[in-house]
């Protein structure tokens, strides 16, 4: 309940006050699903070793918990402020984890190891910080994969008409699966070429800075056949008297 409350507050600040895309419970669950999908692909291959398992001697179950917790908690710091939200996310996450994990990890040392791995993933999820573990990289990229039009709809409807919301409305779907040339392929289906902004500036930047960059290929396709020749999110933008107008 505490986590959901913080996520709802984070969403209020991000969407209502700043006009950002969704940062609430729905986003957290989508990111978690993405993270588990990426983790499953890694576990199904011998190309890559998890830091928690190989480096720290933890179990695969521990790795799942680290990824799930990191994905669910990464954005709760937005409840305080967008600026330095990753720091606030770490502070909130530490308290939550210290309250709920004793039932799973009665050993204090083991519990501390797991908590610190989660906190690293939470802190490193934004492009301003580097993820140093595979588990943290999974959280980073899972977050970057939530770029579809559903996430940007509310901010757009509330009047945020800029490249962030318009490009998000151009992303029809994101699919994560085993790749042909790389371990993981992330396929992005766009209805409008504006979606390239999301692919490059959001997802691409996160992949490029992560330890998984050599194992992931992003393939973005424009699919005009859905509404030939292109689904135009906006037909015209005019800048006049210091303001933008859309039609």
C-alpha atoms as a PDB file:
ATOM      1  CA  UNK A   1       0.000   0.000   0.000  1.00  0.00           C
ATOM      2  CA  UNK A   2       2.853   2.399   0.800  1.00  0.00           C
ATOM      3  CA  UNK A   3       4.475   1.733  -2.569  1.00  0.00           C
ATOM      4  CA  UNK A   4       1.228   2.307  -4.468  1.00  0.00           C
ATOM      5  CA  UNK A   5       0.611   5.531  -2.550  1.00  0.00           C
ATOM      6  CA  UNK A   6       4.082   6.828  -3.384  1.00  0.00           C
ATOM      7  CA  UNK A   7       3.678   5.821  -7.027  1.00  0.00           C
ATOM      8  CA  UNK A   8       0.368   7.669  -7.244  1.00  0.00           C
ATOM      9  CA  UNK A   9       1.967  10.752  -5.694  1.00  0.00           C
ATOM     10  CA  UNK A  10       4.906  10.417  -8.083  1.00  0.00           C
ATOM     11  CA  UNK A  11       2.480  10.293 -10.974  1.00  0.00           C
ATOM     12  CA  UNK A  12       0.680  13.404  -9.738  1.00  0.00           C
ATOM     13  CA  UNK A  13       3.931  15.366  -9.670  1.00  0.00           C
ATOM     14  CA  UNK A  14       5.213  13.991 -12.977  1.00  0.00           C
ATOM     15  CA  UNK A  15       2.016  14.186 -15.034  1.00  0.00           C
ATOM     16  CA  UNK A  16      -0.184  16.845 -13.457  1.00  0.00           C
ATOM     17  CA  UNK A  17       2.495  19.284 -12.341  1.00  0.00           C
ATOM     18  CA  UNK A  18       5.214  18.769 -14.936  1.00  0.00           C
ATOM     19  CA  UNK A  19       3.319  17.389 -17.930  1.00  0.00           C
ATOM     20  CA  UNK A  20       5.525  14.288 -18.139  1.00  0.00           C
ATOM     21  CA  UNK A  21       4.500  10.830 -19.269  1.00  0.00           C
ATOM     22  CA  UNK A  22       3.099   8.282 -16.802  1.00  0.00           C
ATOM     23  CA  UNK A  23       5.331   7.539 -13.798  1.00  0.00           C
ATOM     24  CA  UNK A  24       2.757   5.789 -11.608  1.00  0.00           C
ATOM     25  CA  UNK A  25       1.626   2.253 -10.757  1.00  0.00           C
ATOM     26  CA  UNK A  26       0.851   1.307 -14.372  1.00  0.00           C
ATOM     27  CA  UNK A  27       4.317   2.361 -15.517  1.00  0.00           C
ATOM     28  CA  UNK A  28       5.906   0.449 -12.627  1.00  0.00           C
ATOM     29  CA  UNK A  29       4.056  -2.746 -13.555  1.00  0.00           C
ATOM     30  CA  UNK A  30       4.898  -2.430 -17.246  1.00  0.00           C
ATOM     31  CA  UNK A  31       8.563  -1.908 -16.407  1.00  0.00           C
ATOM     32  CA  UNK A  32       8.470  -4.943 -14.110  1.00  0.00           C
ATOM     33  CA  UNK A  33       6.995  -7.108 -16.879  1.00  0.00           C
ATOM     34  CA  UNK A  34       9.679  -5.842 -19.260  1.00  0.00           C
ATOM     35  CA  UNK A  35      12.388  -6.555 -16.704  1.00  0.00           C
ATOM     36  CA  UNK A  36      11.238 -10.123 -16.139  1.00  0.00           C
ATOM     37  CA  UNK A  37      11.145 -10.682 -19.900  1.00  0.00           C
ATOM     38  CA  UNK A  38      14.734  -9.489 -20.278  1.00  0.00           C
ATOM     39  CA  UNK A  39      15.852 -11.527 -17.255  1.00  0.00           C
ATOM     40  CA  UNK A  40      14.245 -14.663 -18.703  1.00  0.00           C
ATOM     41  CA  UNK A  41      16.132 -14.210 -21.985  1.00  0.00           C
ATOM     42  CA  UNK A  42      19.420 -13.798 -20.131  1.00  0.00           C
ATOM     43  CA  UNK A  43      18.801 -16.853 -17.951  1.00  0.00           C
ATOM     44  CA  UNK A  44      17.963 -18.881 -21.056  1.00  0.00           C
ATOM     45  CA  UNK A  45      21.383 -18.213 -22.533  1.00  0.00           C
ATOM     46  CA  UNK A  46      24.975 -18.926 -21.560  1.00  0.00           C
ATOM     47  CA  UNK A  47      26.216 -15.662 -23.110  1.00  0.00           C
ATOM     48  CA  UNK A  48      25.839 -13.557 -19.991  1.00  0.00           C
ATOM     49  CA  UNK A  49      26.219 -14.022 -16.239  1.00  0.00           C
ATOM     50  CA  UNK A  50      24.217 -12.193 -13.595  1.00  0.00           C
ATOM     51  CA  UNK A  51      26.252 -10.220 -11.071  1.00  0.00           C
ATOM     52  CA  UNK A  52      24.118 -11.355  -8.148  1.00  0.00           C
ATOM     53  CA  UNK A  53      24.553 -15.040  -9.002  1.00  0.00           C
ATOM     54  CA  UNK A  54      28.089 -15.267 -10.383  1.00  0.00           C
ATOM     55  CA  UNK A  55      29.687 -12.358  -8.561  1.00  0.00           C
ATOM     56  CA  UNK A  56      27.933 -12.452  -5.195  1.00  0.00           C
ATOM     57  CA  UNK A  57      26.884 -16.086  -4.893  1.00  0.00           C
ATOM     58  CA  UNK A  58      23.171 -15.371  -4.699  1.00  0.00           C
ATOM     59  CA  UNK A  59      20.418 -17.523  -6.154  1.00  0.00           C
ATOM     60  CA  UNK A  60      18.362 -17.005  -9.299  1.00  0.00           C
ATOM     61  CA  UNK A  61      15.403 -16.280  -7.008  1.00  0.00           C
ATOM     62  CA  UNK A  62      17.429 -13.478  -5.435  1.00  0.00           C
ATOM     63  CA  UNK A  63      18.106 -12.078  -8.903  1.00  0.00           C
ATOM     64  CA  UNK A  64      14.381 -12.091  -9.660  1.00  0.00           C
ATOM     65  CA  UNK A  65      13.659 -10.207  -6.448  1.00  0.00           C
ATOM     66  CA  UNK A  66      16.340  -7.597  -7.213  1.00  0.00           C
ATOM     67  CA  UNK A  67      14.944  -6.980 -10.692  1.00  0.00           C
ATOM     68  CA  UNK A  68      11.296  -6.881  -9.592  1.00  0.00           C
ATOM     69  CA  UNK A  69      11.985  -4.570  -6.645  1.00  0.00           C
ATOM     70  CA  UNK A  70      14.184  -2.295  -8.742  1.00  0.00           C
ATOM     71  CA  UNK A  71      11.533  -2.026 -11.446  1.00  0.00           C
ATOM     72  CA  UNK A  72       8.682  -1.372  -9.020  1.00  0.00           C
ATOM     73  CA  UNK A  73      10.515   1.188  -6.880  1.00  0.00           C
ATOM     74  CA  UNK A  74      12.684   3.103  -9.343  1.00  0.00           C
ATOM     75  CA  UNK A  75      10.364   6.097  -9.787  1.00  0.00           C
ATOM     76  CA  UNK A  76       8.816   6.565  -6.332  1.00  0.00           C
ATOM     77  CA  UNK A  77      11.154   9.476  -5.599  1.00  0.00           C
ATOM     78  CA  UNK A  78       9.146  11.594  -8.031  1.00  0.00           C
ATOM     79  CA  UNK A  79       6.673  11.914  -5.155  1.00  0.00           C
ATOM     80  CA  UNK A  80       9.112  14.455  -3.678  1.00  0.00           C
ATOM     81  CA  UNK A  81      10.398  16.118  -6.854  1.00  0.00           C
ATOM     82  CA  UNK A  82      11.519  15.256 -10.349  1.00  0.00           C
ATOM     83  CA  UNK A  83      14.919  16.827  -9.743  1.00  0.00           C
ATOM     84  CA  UNK A  84      17.208  14.218  -8.173  1.00  0.00           C
ATOM     85  CA  UNK A  85      14.264  11.835  -7.977  1.00  0.00           C
ATOM     86  CA  UNK A  86      16.621   8.856  -8.148  1.00  0.00           C
ATOM     87  CA  UNK A  87      18.119   9.916  -4.792  1.00  0.00           C
ATOM     88  CA  UNK A  88      14.688  10.207  -3.184  1.00  0.00           C
ATOM     89  CA  UNK A  89      13.769   6.838  -4.730  1.00  0.00           C
ATOM     90  CA  UNK A  90      16.751   5.259  -2.973  1.00  0.00           C
ATOM     91  CA  UNK A  91      15.750   6.792   0.366  1.00  0.00           C
ATOM     92  CA  UNK A  92      12.145   5.603   0.119  1.00  0.00           C
ATOM     93  CA  UNK A  93      13.143   2.189  -1.252  1.00  0.00           C
ATOM     94  CA  UNK A  94      15.576   1.513   1.595  1.00  0.00           C
ATOM     95  CA  UNK A  95      12.860   2.035   4.180  1.00  0.00           C
ATOM     96  CA  UNK A  96      10.351  -0.125   2.335  1.00  0.00           C
ATOM     97  CA  UNK A  97      12.817  -2.958   1.762  1.00  0.00           C
ATOM     98  CA  UNK A  98      14.035  -2.933   5.360  1.00  0.00           C
ATOM     99  CA  UNK A  99      10.448  -3.389   6.511  1.00  0.00           C
ATOM    100  CA  UNK A 100       9.355  -6.167   4.145  1.00  0.00           C
ATOM    101  CA  UNK A 101      12.483  -8.229   3.494  1.00  0.00           C
ATOM    102  CA  UNK A 102      13.171  -9.628   7.005  1.00  0.00           C
ATOM    103  CA  UNK A 103      10.386 -12.148   6.368  1.00  0.00           C
ATOM    104  CA  UNK A 104      12.266 -13.398   3.287  1.00  0.00           C
ATOM    105  CA  UNK A 105      15.850 -12.871   4.457  1.00  0.00           C
ATOM    106  CA  UNK A 106      16.144 -13.330   8.233  1.00  0.00           C
ATOM    107  CA  UNK A 107      19.938 -13.207   7.945  1.00  0.00           C
ATOM    108  CA  UNK A 108      20.990  -9.562   8.323  1.00  0.00           C
ATOM    109  CA  UNK A 109      24.045  -9.860   6.076  1.00  0.00           C
ATOM    110  CA  UNK A 110      22.205 -11.537   3.219  1.00  0.00           C
ATOM    111  CA  UNK A 111      19.379  -9.029   3.511  1.00  0.00           C
ATOM    112  CA  UNK A 112      21.838  -6.134   3.325  1.00  0.00           C
ATOM    113  CA  UNK A 113      23.391  -7.563   0.155  1.00  0.00           C
ATOM    114  CA  UNK A 114      20.026  -7.857  -1.562  1.00  0.00           C
ATOM    115  CA  UNK A 115      18.907  -4.388  -0.479  1.00  0.00           C
ATOM    116  CA  UNK A 116      22.083  -2.753  -1.759  1.00  0.00           C
ATOM    117  CA  UNK A 117      21.705  -4.473  -5.130  1.00  0.00           C
ATOM    118  CA  UNK A 118      18.156  -3.149  -5.407  1.00  0.00           C
ATOM    119  CA  UNK A 119      19.228   0.346  -4.369  1.00  0.00           C
ATOM    120  CA  UNK A 120      21.959   0.370  -7.013  1.00  0.00           C
ATOM    121  CA  UNK A 121      19.390  -0.530  -9.670  1.00  0.00           C
ATOM    122  CA  UNK A 122      17.024   2.175  -8.419  1.00  0.00           C
ATOM    123  CA  UNK A 123      19.724   4.851  -8.321  1.00  0.00           C
ATOM    124  CA  UNK A 124      21.174   3.978 -11.735  1.00  0.00           C
ATOM    125  CA  UNK A 125      17.878   3.769 -13.653  1.00  0.00           C
ATOM    126  CA  UNK A 126      18.117   7.263 -15.155  1.00  0.00           C
ATOM    127  CA  UNK A 127      20.492   8.148 -17.983  1.00  0.00           C
ATOM    128  CA  UNK A 128      22.468  10.459 -15.703  1.00  0.00           C
ATOM    129  CA  UNK A 129      23.974   7.530 -13.785  1.00  0.00           C
ATOM    130  CA  UNK A 130      25.713   4.400 -15.047  1.00  0.00           C
ATOM    131  CA  UNK A 131      24.340   0.967 -14.203  1.00  0.00           C
ATOM    132  CA  UNK A 132      27.260  -1.197 -13.099  1.00  0.00           C
ATOM    133  CA  UNK A 133      25.517  -4.566 -12.707  1.00  0.00           C
ATOM    134  CA  UNK A 134      23.520  -6.669 -15.145  1.00  0.00           C
ATOM    135  CA  UNK A 135      20.515  -6.542 -12.828  1.00  0.00           C
ATOM    136  CA  UNK A 136      20.620  -2.739 -12.746  1.00  0.00           C
ATOM    137  CA  UNK A 137      20.996  -2.666 -16.527  1.00  0.00           C
ATOM    138  CA  UNK A 138      17.864  -4.802 -16.830  1.00  0.00           C
ATOM    139  CA  UNK A 139      15.932  -2.222 -14.797  1.00  0.00           C
ATOM    140  CA  UNK A 140      17.335   0.635 -16.897  1.00  0.00           C
ATOM    141  CA  UNK A 141      16.362  -0.943 -20.208  1.00  0.00           C
ATOM    142  CA  UNK A 142      13.010  -2.214 -18.940  1.00  0.00           C
ATOM    143  CA  UNK A 143      12.238   1.392 -18.016  1.00  0.00           C
ATOM    144  CA  UNK A 144      13.364   2.605 -21.438  1.00  0.00           C
ATOM    145  CA  UNK A 145      11.060   0.133 -23.174  1.00  0.00           C
ATOM    146  CA  UNK A 146       7.921   1.773 -21.757  1.00  0.00           C
ATOM    147  CA  UNK A 147       7.592   4.315 -24.546  1.00  0.00           C
ATOM    148  CA  UNK A 148       4.281   3.348 -26.136  1.00  0.00           C
ATOM    149  CA  UNK A 149       1.441   5.748 -26.873  1.00  0.00           C
ATOM    150  CA  UNK A 150      -0.581   4.754 -23.810  1.00  0.00           C
ATOM    151  CA  UNK A 151       2.082   6.218 -21.542  1.00  0.00           C
ATOM    152  CA  UNK A 152       2.021   9.629 -23.205  1.00  0.00           C
ATOM    153  CA  UNK A 153      -1.717   9.979 -23.763  1.00  0.00           C
ATOM    154  CA  UNK A 154      -2.636  11.677 -20.475  1.00  0.00           C
ATOM    155  CA  UNK A 155       0.056  14.351 -20.634  1.00  0.00           C
ATOM    156  CA  UNK A 156      -0.954  15.068 -24.237  1.00  0.00           C
ATOM    157  CA  UNK A 157      -4.634  15.306 -23.334  1.00  0.00           C
ATOM    158  CA  UNK A 158      -3.720  17.703 -20.524  1.00  0.00           C
ATOM    159  CA  UNK A 159      -2.164  20.052 -23.064  1.00  0.00           C
ATOM    160  CA  UNK A 160       1.497  18.973 -23.238  1.00  0.00           C
ATOM    161  CA  UNK A 161       2.051  19.129 -26.998  1.00  0.00           C
ATOM    162  CA  UNK A 162       5.786  18.750 -27.495  1.00  0.00           C
ATOM    163  CA  UNK A 163       8.225  16.265 -28.999  1.00  0.00           C
ATOM    164  CA  UNK A 164       8.039  14.074 -25.878  1.00  0.00           C
ATOM    165  CA  UNK A 165       4.268  13.518 -25.937  1.00  0.00           C
ATOM    166  CA  UNK A 166       3.863  13.547 -29.721  1.00  0.00           C
ATOM    167  CA  UNK A 167       6.700  11.091 -30.302  1.00  0.00           C
ATOM    168  CA  UNK A 168       5.283   8.823 -27.582  1.00  0.00           C
ATOM    169  CA  UNK A 169       1.904   8.796 -29.334  1.00  0.00           C
ATOM    170  CA  UNK A 170       3.705   7.501 -32.420  1.00  0.00           C
ATOM    171  CA  UNK A 171       4.878   4.282 -30.740  1.00  0.00           C
ATOM    172  CA  UNK A 172       2.363   1.499 -31.286  1.00  0.00           C
ATOM    173  CA  UNK A 173       4.161  -1.326 -29.515  1.00  0.00           C
ATOM    174  CA  UNK A 174       7.453  -2.525 -28.068  1.00  0.00           C
ATOM    175  CA  UNK A 175       8.288  -6.218 -28.154  1.00  0.00           C
ATOM    176  CA  UNK A 176      11.216  -7.822 -26.332  1.00  0.00           C
ATOM    177  CA  UNK A 177      12.344 -11.206 -27.660  1.00  0.00           C
ATOM    178  CA  UNK A 178      15.367 -13.337 -28.478  1.00  0.00           C
ATOM    179  CA  UNK A 179      17.294 -11.772 -31.315  1.00  0.00           C
ATOM    180  CA  UNK A 180      18.780 -13.271 -34.450  1.00  0.00           C
ATOM    181  CA  UNK A 181      22.113 -11.469 -34.281  1.00  0.00           C
ATOM    182  CA  UNK A 182      22.109 -10.411 -30.609  1.00  0.00           C
ATOM    183  CA  UNK A 183      20.889 -12.090 -27.455  1.00  0.00           C
ATOM    184  CA  UNK A 184      17.968  -9.663 -27.168  1.00  0.00           C
ATOM    185  CA  UNK A 185      16.031  -7.794 -29.840  1.00  0.00           C
ATOM    186  CA  UNK A 186      13.766  -4.899 -28.909  1.00  0.00           C
ATOM    187  CA  UNK A 187      11.327  -4.288 -31.743  1.00  0.00           C
ATOM    188  CA  UNK A 188       9.531  -0.957 -31.868  1.00  0.00           C
ATOM    189  CA  UNK A 189       6.508  -0.485 -34.129  1.00  0.00           C
ATOM    190  CA  UNK A 190       5.857   3.155 -35.072  1.00  0.00           C
ATOM    191  CA  UNK A 191       2.849   4.686 -36.810  1.00  0.00           C
ATOM    192  CA  UNK A 192       4.700   7.966 -37.400  1.00  0.00           C
ATOM    193  CA  UNK A 193       8.354   8.821 -37.900  1.00  0.00           C
ATOM    194  CA  UNK A 194       8.177  11.165 -34.886  1.00  0.00           C
ATOM    195  CA  UNK A 195       8.599   8.011 -32.831  1.00  0.00           C
ATOM    196  CA  UNK A 196      12.269   7.968 -33.790  1.00  0.00           C
ATOM    197  CA  UNK A 197      12.807  10.537 -31.043  1.00  0.00           C
ATOM    198  CA  UNK A 198      11.639   8.063 -28.397  1.00  0.00           C
ATOM    199  CA  UNK A 199      13.761   5.294 -29.883  1.00  0.00           C
ATOM    200  CA  UNK A 200      16.933   7.380 -29.969  1.00  0.00           C
ATOM    201  CA  UNK A 201      16.634   9.714 -27.011  1.00  0.00           C
ATOM    202  CA  UNK A 202      14.907   7.441 -24.496  1.00  0.00           C
ATOM    203  CA  UNK A 203      15.479   3.764 -25.259  1.00  0.00           C
ATOM    204  CA  UNK A 204      18.644   4.081 -27.336  1.00  0.00           C
ATOM    205  CA  UNK A 205      20.438   6.253 -24.788  1.00  0.00           C
ATOM    206  CA  UNK A 206      19.648   3.817 -21.988  1.00  0.00           C
ATOM    207  CA  UNK A 207      20.878   0.816 -23.967  1.00  0.00           C
ATOM    208  CA  UNK A 208      24.041   2.626 -25.107  1.00  0.00           C
ATOM    209  CA  UNK A 209      25.102   3.412 -21.526  1.00  0.00           C
ATOM    210  CA  UNK A 210      24.350  -0.004 -20.039  1.00  0.00           C
ATOM    211  CA  UNK A 211      26.473  -3.148 -19.596  1.00  0.00           C
ATOM    212  CA  UNK A 212      23.966  -4.886 -21.892  1.00  0.00           C
ATOM    213  CA  UNK A 213      24.709  -2.689 -24.910  1.00  0.00           C
ATOM    214  CA  UNK A 214      26.651  -5.427 -26.727  1.00  0.00           C
ATOM    215  CA  UNK A 215      23.821  -7.917 -26.263  1.00  0.00           C
ATOM    216  CA  UNK A 216      20.860  -5.850 -27.464  1.00  0.00           C
ATOM    217  CA  UNK A 217      19.664  -4.779 -30.887  1.00  0.00           C
ATOM    218  CA  UNK A 218      16.889  -2.219 -31.330  1.00  0.00           C
ATOM    219  CA  UNK A 219      14.816  -2.499 -34.505  1.00  0.00           C
ATOM    220  CA  UNK A 220      12.297   0.281 -35.120  1.00  0.00           C
ATOM    221  CA  UNK A 221       9.864  -0.019 -38.022  1.00  0.00           C
ATOM    222  CA  UNK A 222       7.475   2.577 -39.395  1.00  0.00           C
ATOM    223  CA  UNK A 223       4.254   0.796 -40.329  1.00  0.00           C
ATOM    224  CA  UNK A 224       2.257   3.177 -42.542  1.00  0.00           C
ATOM    225  CA  UNK A 225       0.006   0.346 -43.756  1.00  0.00           C
ATOM    226  CA  UNK A 226      -2.069   0.784 -40.605  1.00  0.00           C
ATOM    227  CA  UNK A 227      -3.224   4.210 -41.840  1.00  0.00           C
ATOM    228  CA  UNK A 228      -1.591   5.075 -45.194  1.00  0.00           C
ATOM    229  CA  UNK A 229       0.638   6.884 -45.744  1.00  0.00           C
ATOM    230  CA  UNK A 230       1.330   7.787 -42.079  1.00  0.00           C
ATOM    231  CA  UNK A 231      -0.737   8.370 -38.994  1.00  0.00           C
ATOM    232  CA  UNK A 232      -0.179  12.074 -38.396  1.00  0.00           C
ATOM    233  CA  UNK A 233      -0.367  12.917 -34.725  1.00  0.00           C
ATOM    234  CA  UNK A 234      -0.456  16.616 -35.627  1.00  0.00           C
ATOM    235  CA  UNK A 235      -0.762  18.134 -39.119  1.00  0.00           C
ATOM    236  CA  UNK A 236       0.728  21.530 -38.373  1.00  0.00           C
ATOM    237  CA  UNK A 237       2.632  23.391 -35.672  1.00  0.00           C
ATOM    238  CA  UNK A 238       2.840  27.193 -35.664  1.00  0.00           C
ATOM    239  CA  UNK A 239       5.073  29.375 -33.460  1.00  0.00           C
ATOM    240  CA  UNK A 240       3.682  32.888 -33.040  1.00  0.00           C
ATOM    241  CA  UNK A 241       3.692  35.493 -30.300  1.00  0.00           C
ATOM    242  CA  UNK A 242       5.952  33.368 -28.194  1.00  0.00           C
ATOM    243  CA  UNK A 243       3.567  30.401 -28.224  1.00  0.00           C
ATOM    244  CA  UNK A 244       3.103  27.190 -30.161  1.00  0.00           C
ATOM    245  CA  UNK A 245      -0.224  26.383 -31.808  1.00  0.00           C
ATOM    246  CA  UNK A 246      -1.200  22.958 -33.064  1.00  0.00           C
ATOM    247  CA  UNK A 247      -3.821  21.967 -35.582  1.00  0.00           C
END
